Amino acid sequence: MEYGTIEREIHIEATPEVVYEVISTPEHLREWWPDEAELDPTPGGTGVVSFGKPGEPPAHVEELTVVEADPPRRFAFRWVYDDGVTPAADNSLLVTFELSPSGDGTLLRFTESGFRERGWEVAVLEEAYRDHATGWDHFLPRLVTYADRLVSQS
């Protein structure tokens, strides 16, 4: 296995404008991905996502930095970088959501890259890649369900 880039393509029965809001704003992110989110969704904006059980301290917290915000077409951020460093291609992972109209909905192309560039030892690389692939396989369907619910409520 290559362990370089995770790629997924999904169709969502919501407009690109709705999907963009779902992937870029804290109030919507909390509904399908992290348990908590704070984020300035503009280029250079920073934020924090945390995962854990309600009422308990977060089990996992990650800072992120927005690198691209082009509503309603593209949203990208860097995450999984060490405290005190400026995220770059060699020290962080890049998550990109590309949105394009498809029928009455949106085709979302998701990528997460930068695993190899981190310079991790093979065992760490494989574990991180598998952990993230499993995570996105869990969370991306939740994005679809949440966007569908938003559209049906409007």
Protein backbone atom coordinates (compact mmCIF):
# COMPACT_ATOMS: atom_id res chain seq x y z
CA MET A 1 0.00 0.00 0.00
CA GLU A 2 1.20 3.51 -0.79
CA TYR A 3 0.12 5.42 2.39
CA GLY A 4 0.40 8.76 0.63
CA THR A 5 -3.06 10.19 0.03
CA ILE A 6 -6.56 9.29 1.16
CA GLU A 7 -9.13 10.03 -1.55
CA ARG A 8 -12.89 9.75 -1.43
CA GLU A 9 -15.64 10.89 -3.77
CA ILE A 10 -19.21 11.18 -2.57
CA HIS A 11 -22.47 12.60 -3.89
CA ILE A 12 -24.55 14.77 -1.58
CA GLU A 13 -28.15 15.78 -2.25
CA ALA A 14 -27.53 19.42 -1.35
CA THR A 15 -26.23 22.40 -3.29
CA PRO A 16 -22.52 23.25 -3.22
CA GLU A 17 -23.42 26.34 -1.14
CA VAL A 18 -25.02 24.18 1.57
CA VAL A 19 -22.21 21.61 1.49
CA TYR A 20 -19.60 24.37 1.74
CA GLU A 21 -21.22 25.66 4.94
CA VAL A 22 -21.33 22.11 6.34
CA ILE A 23 -17.58 21.58 5.78
CA SER A 24 -16.35 25.03 6.81
CA THR A 25 -18.31 26.39 9.77
CA PRO A 26 -17.91 25.24 13.39
CA GLU A 27 -21.62 24.89 14.12
CA HIS A 28 -22.03 22.52 11.18
CA LEU A 29 -18.69 20.70 11.62
CA ARG A 30 -19.72 19.69 15.16
CA GLU A 31 -22.74 17.89 13.73
CA TRP A 32 -20.77 15.39 11.66
CA TRP A 33 -17.05 15.44 12.49
CA PRO A 34 -15.45 16.63 15.75
CA ASP A 35 -17.18 16.82 19.08
CA GLU A 36 -16.05 20.43 19.42
CA ALA A 37 -14.83 22.92 16.83
CA GLU A 38 -13.60 26.48 16.82
CA LEU A 39 -12.55 27.83 13.45
CA ASP A 40 -12.00 31.02 11.48
CA PRO A 41 -12.86 29.65 8.00
CA THR A 42 -10.81 32.20 6.05
CA PRO A 43 -7.37 31.71 4.48
CA GLY A 44 -4.80 31.90 7.28
CA GLY A 45 -7.53 31.42 9.88
CA THR A 46 -6.88 28.96 12.65
CA GLY A 47 -8.95 26.73 14.83
CA VAL A 48 -9.13 23.67 17.00
CA VAL A 49 -11.09 20.43 16.68
CA SER A 50 -11.44 18.01 19.55
CA PHE A 51 -12.74 14.50 19.87
CA GLY A 52 -13.99 12.83 23.03
CA LYS A 53 -17.01 11.88 25.08
CA PRO A 54 -19.43 14.61 26.24
CA GLY A 55 -18.75 15.78 29.77
CA GLU A 56 -15.18 14.46 29.77
CA PRO A 57 -11.93 16.21 28.87
CA PRO A 58 -11.21 15.85 25.12
CA ALA A 59 -9.37 12.66 24.27
CA HIS A 60 -7.74 14.23 21.23
CA VAL A 61 -7.27 17.88 20.22
CA GLU A 62 -5.82 19.10 16.92
CA GLU A 63 -5.05 22.61 15.76
CA LEU A 64 -5.75 23.45 12.15
CA THR A 65 -4.95 26.27 9.77
CA VAL A 66 -7.13 27.16 6.77
CA VAL A 67 -5.08 27.38 3.58
CA GLU A 68 -7.86 27.86 1.04
CA ALA A 69 -11.44 29.08 1.26
CA ASP A 70 -13.17 29.54 -2.10
CA PRO A 71 -16.93 29.25 -1.48
CA PRO A 72 -18.69 27.21 -2.75
CA ARG A 73 -15.96 25.36 -4.62
CA ARG A 74 -13.01 24.53 -2.39
CA PHE A 75 -12.03 24.44 1.27
CA ALA A 76 -8.66 23.20 2.53
CA PHE A 77 -6.82 23.13 5.82
CA ARG A 78 -3.62 21.80 7.34
CA TRP A 79 -3.65 19.83 10.57
CA VAL A 80 -1.67 17.24 12.53
CA TYR A 81 1.31 19.49 13.11
CA ASP A 82 3.43 20.06 16.20
CA ASP A 83 2.76 22.92 18.60
CA GLY A 84 4.61 26.09 17.77
CA VAL A 85 5.35 25.31 14.12
CA THR A 86 3.95 26.98 11.06
CA PRO A 87 2.15 24.22 9.13
CA ALA A 88 3.78 23.40 5.80
CA ALA A 89 3.94 20.53 3.31
CA ASP A 90 6.69 18.74 5.25
CA ASN A 91 5.21 18.95 8.76
CA SER A 92 1.42 18.62 8.48
CA LEU A 93 -1.42 16.90 6.67
CA LEU A 94 -3.53 18.73 4.07
CA VAL A 95 -7.28 18.10 3.90
CA THR A 96 -9.03 19.37 0.77
CA PHE A 97 -12.73 19.39 -0.08
CA GLU A 98 -13.51 20.13 -3.74
CA LEU A 99 -17.17 20.72 -4.55
CA SER A 100 -18.84 20.71 -7.94
CA PRO A 101 -22.51 20.77 -8.93
CA SER A 102 -23.86 17.35 -9.89
CA GLY A 103 -27.49 17.11 -10.92
CA ASP A 104 -29.52 18.57 -8.05
CA GLY A 105 -26.68 18.00 -5.61
CA THR A 106 -22.93 18.17 -5.16
CA LEU A 107 -20.01 15.92 -5.98
CA LEU A 108 -17.52 16.19 -3.12
CA ARG A 109 -13.94 15.14 -3.80
CA PHE A 110 -12.08 14.67 -0.55
CA THR A 111 -8.32 14.24 -0.20
CA GLU A 112 -5.99 14.08 2.75
CA SER A 113 -2.33 14.15 1.82
CA GLY A 114 1.10 14.63 3.36
CA PHE A 115 1.52 11.34 5.23
CA ARG A 116 4.80 10.44 3.55
CA GLU A 117 6.10 14.00 3.71
CA ARG A 118 5.90 13.98 7.50
CA GLY A 119 8.98 11.76 7.58
CA TRP A 120 7.43 9.30 10.01
CA GLU A 121 8.95 5.85 10.48
CA VAL A 122 7.11 3.17 8.49
CA ALA A 123 5.10 1.79 11.42
CA VAL A 124 3.97 5.28 12.47
CA LEU A 125 3.13 6.19 8.87
CA GLU A 126 1.05 3.04 8.37
CA GLU A 127 -0.81 3.49 11.66
CA ALA A 128 -1.57 7.18 11.02
CA TYR A 129 -2.73 6.46 7.46
CA ARG A 130 -5.00 3.59 8.53
CA ASP A 131 -6.37 5.58 11.48
CA HIS A 132 -7.24 8.55 9.26
CA ALA A 133 -8.68 6.39 6.46
CA THR A 134 -10.90 4.59 8.99
CA GLY A 135 -11.87 7.91 10.54
CA TRP A 136 -12.88 9.51 7.26
CA ASP A 137 -14.78 6.36 6.27
CA HIS A 138 -16.79 6.92 9.46
CA PHE A 139 -17.19 10.70 9.30
CA LEU A 140 -17.81 11.40 5.59
CA PRO A 141 -21.08 9.38 5.52
CA ARG A 142 -22.16 11.43 8.56
CA LEU A 143 -21.52 14.58 6.50
CA VAL A 144 -23.90 13.21 3.83
CA THR A 145 -26.58 12.37 6.40
CA TYR A 146 -26.28 15.75 8.09
CA ALA A 147 -26.46 17.70 4.79
CA ASP A 148 -29.51 15.64 3.77
CA ARG A 149 -31.15 16.50 7.09
CA LEU A 150 -30.42 20.21 6.61
CA VAL A 151 -31.97 20.19 3.13
CA SER A 152 -35.07 18.30 4.29
CA GLN A 153 -35.61 20.82 7.13
CA SER A 154 -35.52 23.85 4.85
